[in-house]
C-alpha atoms as a PDB file:
ATOM      1  CA  MET A   1       2.583 -22.629  32.060  1.00  0.00           C
ATOM      2  CA  ASN A   2       2.060 -18.960  32.947  1.00  0.00           C
ATOM      3  CA  LEU A   3       0.947 -16.661  30.133  1.00  0.00           C
ATOM      4  CA  PHE A   4       2.244 -13.099  29.829  1.00  0.00           C
ATOM      5  CA  LEU A   5       1.166 -10.466  27.304  1.00  0.00           C
ATOM      6  CA  ALA A   6       3.995  -8.090  26.457  1.00  0.00           C
ATOM      7  CA  SER A   7       1.769  -5.196  25.422  1.00  0.00           C
ATOM      8  CA  THR A   8       0.280  -1.971  26.737  1.00  0.00           C
ATOM      9  CA  SER A   9      -2.457  -2.048  24.088  1.00  0.00           C
ATOM     10  CA  PRO A  10      -5.907  -2.124  25.701  1.00  0.00           C
ATOM     11  CA  ARG A  11      -7.265  -3.689  22.505  1.00  0.00           C
ATOM     12  CA  ARG A  12      -4.835  -6.611  22.687  1.00  0.00           C
ATOM     13  CA  ARG A  13      -5.616  -7.094  26.358  1.00  0.00           C
ATOM     14  CA  GLU A  14      -9.362  -7.151  25.641  1.00  0.00           C
ATOM     15  CA  LEU A  15      -8.966  -9.642  22.795  1.00  0.00           C
ATOM     16  CA  LEU A  16      -6.786 -11.986  24.832  1.00  0.00           C
ATOM     17  CA  ALA A  17      -9.144 -11.744  27.822  1.00  0.00           C
ATOM     18  CA  GLN A  18     -11.932 -13.140  25.620  1.00  0.00           C
ATOM     19  CA  LEU A  19     -10.184 -16.532  25.764  1.00  0.00           C
ATOM     20  CA  GLY A  20     -10.771 -16.767  29.489  1.00  0.00           C
ATOM     21  CA  LEU A  21      -7.120 -17.587  30.099  1.00  0.00           C
ATOM     22  CA  PRO A  22      -5.423 -15.905  33.033  1.00  0.00           C
ATOM     23  CA  PHE A  23      -2.510 -13.744  31.914  1.00  0.00           C
ATOM     24  CA  THR A  24      -0.314 -10.973  33.225  1.00  0.00           C
ATOM     25  CA  ALA A  25       0.316  -7.884  31.129  1.00  0.00           C
ATOM     26  CA  LEU A  26       3.863  -6.589  30.853  1.00  0.00           C
ATOM     27  CA  ASP A  27       4.842  -3.052  29.914  1.00  0.00           C
ATOM     28  CA  VAL A  28       7.842  -3.635  27.651  1.00  0.00           C
ATOM     29  CA  VAL A  29       9.901  -0.824  26.182  1.00  0.00           C
ATOM     30  CA  ILE A  30      12.065  -1.422  23.126  1.00  0.00           C
ATOM     31  CA  ASP A  31      13.510   0.710  20.345  1.00  0.00           C
ATOM     32  CA  GLU A  32      10.838   0.578  17.647  1.00  0.00           C
ATOM     33  CA  SER A  33      12.891   2.341  14.983  1.00  0.00           C
ATOM     34  CA  ARG A  34      12.706   0.870  11.522  1.00  0.00           C
ATOM     35  CA  ARG A  35      16.060   0.033   9.986  1.00  0.00           C
ATOM     36  CA  THR A  36      17.118   1.627   6.708  1.00  0.00           C
ATOM     37  CA  GLN A  37      15.668  -0.304   3.752  1.00  0.00           C
ATOM     38  CA  GLU A  38      13.991  -2.802   6.118  1.00  0.00           C
ATOM     39  CA  PRO A  39      10.950  -4.372   4.418  1.00  0.00           C
ATOM     40  CA  VAL A  40       7.667  -3.801   6.245  1.00  0.00           C
ATOM     41  CA  ALA A  41       7.097  -7.537   6.803  1.00  0.00           C
ATOM     42  CA  SER A  42      10.579  -7.975   8.287  1.00  0.00           C
ATOM     43  CA  TYR A  43      10.109  -4.923  10.485  1.00  0.00           C
ATOM     44  CA  VAL A  44       6.806  -6.059  12.026  1.00  0.00           C
ATOM     45  CA  GLU A  45       8.172  -9.561  12.659  1.00  0.00           C
ATOM     46  CA  ARG A  46      11.316  -8.160  14.292  1.00  0.00           C
ATOM     47  CA  MET A  47       9.238  -5.893  16.540  1.00  0.00           C
ATOM     48  CA  ALA A  48       7.065  -8.791  17.763  1.00  0.00           C
ATOM     49  CA  LYS A  49      10.144 -10.929  18.398  1.00  0.00           C
ATOM     50  CA  GLU A  50      12.010  -8.189  20.263  1.00  0.00           C
ATOM     51  CA  LYS A  51       8.959  -7.377  22.411  1.00  0.00           C
ATOM     52  CA  ALA A  52       8.542 -11.044  23.366  1.00  0.00           C
ATOM     53  CA  GLU A  53      12.235 -11.364  24.202  1.00  0.00           C
ATOM     54  CA  ALA A  54      12.128  -8.173  26.287  1.00  0.00           C
ATOM     55  CA  GLY A  55       9.046  -9.482  28.093  1.00  0.00           C
ATOM     56  CA  LEU A  56      10.746 -12.749  29.020  1.00  0.00           C
ATOM     57  CA  GLN A  57      13.805 -10.849  30.269  1.00  0.00           C
ATOM     58  CA  MET A  58      11.571  -8.887  32.664  1.00  0.00           C
ATOM     59  CA  LEU A  59      10.514 -12.042  34.520  1.00  0.00           C
ATOM     60  CA  ASP A  60      12.236 -13.177  37.701  1.00  0.00           C
ATOM     61  CA  ASP A  61      11.558 -16.816  36.844  1.00  0.00           C
ATOM     62  CA  PRO A  62      11.223 -17.352  33.077  1.00  0.00           C
ATOM     63  CA  ALA A  63      10.970 -21.149  33.403  1.00  0.00           C
ATOM     64  CA  GLY A  64       7.376 -22.154  32.744  1.00  0.00           C
ATOM     65  CA  ALA A  65       6.515 -18.752  31.256  1.00  0.00           C
ATOM     66  CA  LEU A  66       5.026 -18.139  27.831  1.00  0.00           C
ATOM     67  CA  VAL A  67       5.260 -14.549  26.594  1.00  0.00           C
ATOM     68  CA  LEU A  68       2.965 -13.352  23.808  1.00  0.00           C
ATOM     69  CA  ALA A  69       3.874 -10.128  22.030  1.00  0.00           C
ATOM     70  CA  ALA A  70       2.553  -8.486  18.875  1.00  0.00           C
ATOM     71  CA  ASP A  71       3.116  -5.542  16.595  1.00  0.00           C
ATOM     72  CA  THR A  72       0.714  -4.132  14.018  1.00  0.00           C
ATOM     73  CA  VAL A  73       1.537  -1.947  11.028  1.00  0.00           C
ATOM     74  CA  VAL A  74      -0.443  -0.384   8.210  1.00  0.00           C
ATOM     75  CA  ALA A  75       1.120  -0.429   4.751  1.00  0.00           C
ATOM     76  CA  LEU A  76      -0.138   1.597   1.808  1.00  0.00           C
ATOM     77  CA  GLU A  77       1.780   0.134  -1.103  1.00  0.00           C
ATOM     78  CA  ASP A  78       5.389   0.400   0.138  1.00  0.00           C
ATOM     79  CA  GLU A  79       4.717   3.205   2.628  1.00  0.00           C
ATOM     80  CA  LEU A  80       4.440   2.459   6.332  1.00  0.00           C
ATOM     81  CA  LEU A  81       1.688   4.505   7.998  1.00  0.00           C
ATOM     82  CA  GLU A  82       2.610   4.822  11.649  1.00  0.00           C
ATOM     83  CA  LYS A  83       0.728   6.519  14.483  1.00  0.00           C
ATOM     84  CA  PRO A  84       0.020  10.124  13.521  1.00  0.00           C
ATOM     85  CA  VAL A  85       1.714  12.773  15.638  1.00  0.00           C
ATOM     86  CA  SER A  86      -0.291  15.785  14.454  1.00  0.00           C
ATOM     87  CA  ARG A  87      -3.655  16.766  13.049  1.00  0.00           C
ATOM     88  CA  GLU A  88      -2.012  17.453   9.696  1.00  0.00           C
ATOM     89  CA  GLN A  89      -0.359  14.041   9.545  1.00  0.00           C
ATOM     90  CA  ALA A  90      -3.568  12.290  10.600  1.00  0.00           C
ATOM     91  CA  GLY A  91      -5.540  14.120   7.918  1.00  0.00           C
ATOM     92  CA  ALA A  92      -2.953  13.251   5.281  1.00  0.00           C
ATOM     93  CA  MET A  93      -3.196   9.580   6.240  1.00  0.00           C
ATOM     94  CA  LEU A  94      -6.985   9.493   5.947  1.00  0.00           C
ATOM     95  CA  ARG A  95      -6.839  11.273   2.598  1.00  0.00           C
ATOM     96  CA  SER A  96      -4.237   8.807   1.298  1.00  0.00           C
ATOM     97  CA  LEU A  97      -6.363   5.812   2.416  1.00  0.00           C
ATOM     98  CA  SER A  98      -9.575   7.248   0.964  1.00  0.00           C
ATOM     99  CA  GLY A  99     -11.067   5.141  -1.822  1.00  0.00           C
ATOM    100  CA  ARG A 100      -8.174   2.669  -1.763  1.00  0.00           C
ATOM    101  CA  SER A 101      -7.056  -0.560  -0.202  1.00  0.00           C
ATOM    102  CA  HIS A 102      -4.189  -1.067   2.204  1.00  0.00           C
ATOM    103  CA  VAL A 103      -2.696  -3.957   4.131  1.00  0.00           C
ATOM    104  CA  VAL A 104      -2.681  -4.353   7.902  1.00  0.00           C
ATOM    105  CA  MET A 105       0.022  -6.715   9.125  1.00  0.00           C
ATOM    106  CA  THR A 106       0.267  -8.057  12.633  1.00  0.00           C
ATOM    107  CA  ALA A 107       3.140 -10.234  13.672  1.00  0.00           C
ATOM    108  CA  PHE A 108       2.928 -12.068  16.959  1.00  0.00           C
ATOM    109  CA  ALA A 109       5.613 -13.948  18.824  1.00  0.00           C
ATOM    110  CA  LEU A 110       5.389 -16.643  21.471  1.00  0.00           C
ATOM    111  CA  LYS A 111       8.537 -16.883  23.578  1.00  0.00           C
ATOM    112  CA  THR A 112       9.542 -19.430  26.187  1.00  0.00           C
ATOM    113  CA  ALA A 113      12.915 -19.876  27.850  1.00  0.00           C
ATOM    114  CA  GLY A 114      13.820 -22.397  25.157  1.00  0.00           C
ATOM    115  CA  CYS A 115      12.299 -21.224  21.897  1.00  0.00           C
ATOM    116  CA  ILE A 116      10.455 -18.514  20.008  1.00  0.00           C
ATOM    117  CA  ARG A 117       7.784 -18.680  17.329  1.00  0.00           C
ATOM    118  CA  VAL A 118       6.955 -15.699  15.115  1.00  0.00           C
ATOM    119  CA  GLN A 119       3.963 -15.579  12.768  1.00  0.00           C
ATOM    120  CA  ARG A 120       2.663 -12.778  10.551  1.00  0.00           C
ATOM    121  CA  VAL A 121      -0.950 -12.295   9.433  1.00  0.00           C
ATOM    122  CA  SER A 122      -2.068  -9.857   6.732  1.00  0.00           C
ATOM    123  CA  THR A 123      -5.510  -8.393   6.096  1.00  0.00           C
ATOM    124  CA  THR A 124      -6.511  -6.198   3.163  1.00  0.00           C
ATOM    125  CA  VAL A 125      -8.745  -3.282   4.160  1.00  0.00           C
ATOM    126  CA  PHE A 126     -10.789  -1.266   1.660  1.00  0.00           C
ATOM    127  CA  PHE A 127     -11.778   2.314   2.471  1.00  0.00           C
ATOM    128  CA  ARG A 128     -14.715   4.112   0.951  1.00  0.00           C
ATOM    129  CA  ASN A 129     -14.156   7.683  -0.201  1.00  0.00           C
ATOM    130  CA  VAL A 130     -13.656   9.818   2.890  1.00  0.00           C
ATOM    131  CA  LEU A 131     -15.264  13.257   2.780  1.00  0.00           C
ATOM    132  CA  GLU A 132     -13.108  16.231   3.696  1.00  0.00           C
ATOM    133  CA  ARG A 133     -15.418  17.228   6.552  1.00  0.00           C
ATOM    134  CA  GLU A 134     -15.031  13.709   7.990  1.00  0.00           C
ATOM    135  CA  VAL A 135     -11.262  14.156   8.201  1.00  0.00           C
ATOM    136  CA  GLY A 136     -11.601  17.003  10.732  1.00  0.00           C
ATOM    137  CA  TRP A 137     -14.461  15.303  12.557  1.00  0.00           C
ATOM    138  CA  TYR A 138     -12.425  12.141  13.038  1.00  0.00           C
ATOM    139  CA  TRP A 139      -9.457  14.028  14.463  1.00  0.00           C
ATOM    140  CA  GLU A 140     -11.777  15.686  16.988  1.00  0.00           C
ATOM    141  CA  THR A 141     -12.878  12.241  18.269  1.00  0.00           C
ATOM    142  CA  GLY A 142      -9.295  11.668  19.471  1.00  0.00           C
ATOM    143  CA  GLU A 143      -9.517   8.062  18.356  1.00  0.00           C
ATOM    144  CA  GLN A 144      -6.756   8.034  15.766  1.00  0.00           C
ATOM    145  CA  GLN A 145      -4.011   9.451  17.914  1.00  0.00           C
ATOM    146  CA  ASP A 146      -2.601   6.112  19.122  1.00  0.00           C
ATOM    147  CA  LYS A 147      -3.390   3.923  16.125  1.00  0.00           C
ATOM    148  CA  ALA A 148      -1.166   2.734  13.301  1.00  0.00           C
ATOM    149  CA  GLY A 149      -2.524   4.092  10.044  1.00  0.00           C
ATOM    150  CA  GLY A 150      -4.440   6.759  11.916  1.00  0.00           C
ATOM    151  CA  TYR A 151      -7.721   4.882  12.400  1.00  0.00           C
ATOM    152  CA  GLY A 152      -9.340   2.255  14.598  1.00  0.00           C
ATOM    153  CA  ILE A 153     -11.595  -0.233  12.815  1.00  0.00           C
ATOM    154  CA  GLN A 154     -13.233  -1.220  16.116  1.00  0.00           C
ATOM    155  CA  GLY A 155     -14.338   2.358  16.763  1.00  0.00           C
ATOM    156  CA  ARG A 156     -15.571   5.270  14.696  1.00  0.00           C
ATOM    157  CA  GLY A 157     -12.838   4.612  12.133  1.00  0.00           C
ATOM    158  CA  GLY A 158     -14.820   1.564  11.099  1.00  0.00           C
ATOM    159  CA  LEU A 159     -17.196   3.979   9.355  1.00  0.00           C
ATOM    160  CA  PHE A 160     -14.563   4.443   6.635  1.00  0.00           C
ATOM    161  CA  VAL A 161     -14.110   0.718   5.968  1.00  0.00           C
ATOM    162  CA  SER A 162     -16.178  -0.674   3.109  1.00  0.00           C
ATOM    163  CA  SER A 163     -14.826  -4.230   3.343  1.00  0.00           C
ATOM    164  CA  ILE A 164     -11.934  -6.402   4.464  1.00  0.00           C
ATOM    165  CA  VAL A 165     -10.341  -9.572   3.192  1.00  0.00           C
ATOM    166  CA  GLY A 166      -8.884 -11.520   6.071  1.00  0.00           C
ATOM    167  CA  SER A 167      -8.995 -11.369   9.839  1.00  0.00           C
ATOM    168  CA  TYR A 168     -10.927  -8.563  11.530  1.00  0.00           C
ATOM    169  CA  THR A 169      -9.151  -9.098  14.855  1.00  0.00           C
ATOM    170  CA  ASN A 170      -5.844  -8.793  13.009  1.00  0.00           C
ATOM    171  CA  VAL A 171      -6.793  -5.225  12.093  1.00  0.00           C
ATOM    172  CA  VAL A 172      -7.710  -4.564  15.734  1.00  0.00           C
ATOM    173  CA  GLY A 173      -4.244  -5.755  16.744  1.00  0.00           C
ATOM    174  CA  LEU A 174      -4.184  -9.496  17.468  1.00  0.00           C
ATOM    175  CA  PRO A 175      -5.206 -12.195  14.935  1.00  0.00           C
ATOM    176  CA  MET A 176      -7.125 -14.372  17.352  1.00  0.00           C
ATOM    177  CA  ALA A 177      -7.703 -17.487  15.218  1.00  0.00           C
ATOM    178  CA  GLU A 178      -3.980 -17.811  14.610  1.00  0.00           C
ATOM    179  CA  VAL A 179      -3.085 -16.922  18.205  1.00  0.00           C
ATOM    180  CA  VAL A 180      -5.471 -19.564  19.569  1.00  0.00           C
ATOM    181  CA  MET A 181      -3.890 -22.241  17.376  1.00  0.00           C
ATOM    182  CA  ALA A 182      -0.369 -21.157  18.381  1.00  0.00           C
ATOM    183  CA  LEU A 183      -1.245 -21.147  22.098  1.00  0.00           C
ATOM    184  CA  ARG A 184      -2.697 -24.650  21.836  1.00  0.00           C
ATOM    185  CA  GLU A 185       0.417 -25.857  20.002  1.00  0.00           C
ATOM    186  CA  ALA A 186       2.480 -24.334  22.828  1.00  0.00           C
ATOM    187  CA  GLY A 187       0.569 -26.466  25.340  1.00  0.00           C
ATOM    188  CA  LEU A 188      -2.123 -24.114  26.666  1.00  0.00           C
ATOM    189  CA  GLU A 189      -5.485 -25.852  26.728  1.00  0.00           C
ATOM    190  CA  PHE A 190      -8.708 -23.941  27.109  1.00  0.00           C
ATOM    191  CA  VAL A 191     -12.293 -24.159  25.987  1.00  0.00           C
ATOM    192  CA  GLY A 192     -12.377 -20.782  24.158  1.00  0.00           C
END
C-alpha cells in the first residue's frame, strides 16, 4: 500500500516523516469555505474528508493507495479563529486568547479507493496572560501568519501556552498517536 499525505503543511510532513514510512506529499486545493451555521466540529471533519478525496482523485492509479489528509482549527467558545490576514487581526486573536483556554481540533481522514475513515481529536490549550508588548513582538517574528488561531505551539508561540490537556501533536497539526493506530488498522505495519 502506497501512502500519500494530502497536505502542504511542513509541520504535518515533519510529523509523518518521524514514523519512518515512505510517503508522497500531494498539494491538494479545495474550497475551504465554512458553510452557514456549520458547527466547527462538522466543518473540520468535512475539510479532512474533502482533502483526502481530492488527494485520491489526483492519483493516476488509486488502487493500493492510502491518502491521509488533515485539517486543524482553533475554537474560542463558538468562534473559529482562522489564519490571521493582518497585523490587526493577529493582535486581536492573541488578545482574545490571553488568560483563557481554547480548543484545537484536528480531523484526519484516511481514504482508499473503497472506503474513508474520518476521526477528530480535540486538545484544550491554556494561555497565560499575554503582555501587550508581546503581541507586536510576535507579529514581527512572522510565525503566526500561516497558523490557525494565530500562533504556533511548536515555535515561539509556545511561550504563551501555560498548559494543555490532550495531544501536543494535535495542536501542531496531526494527532500522531491516533494516526499511528489508524494507519495500523488500515494495514500499514511499521516499527515507529
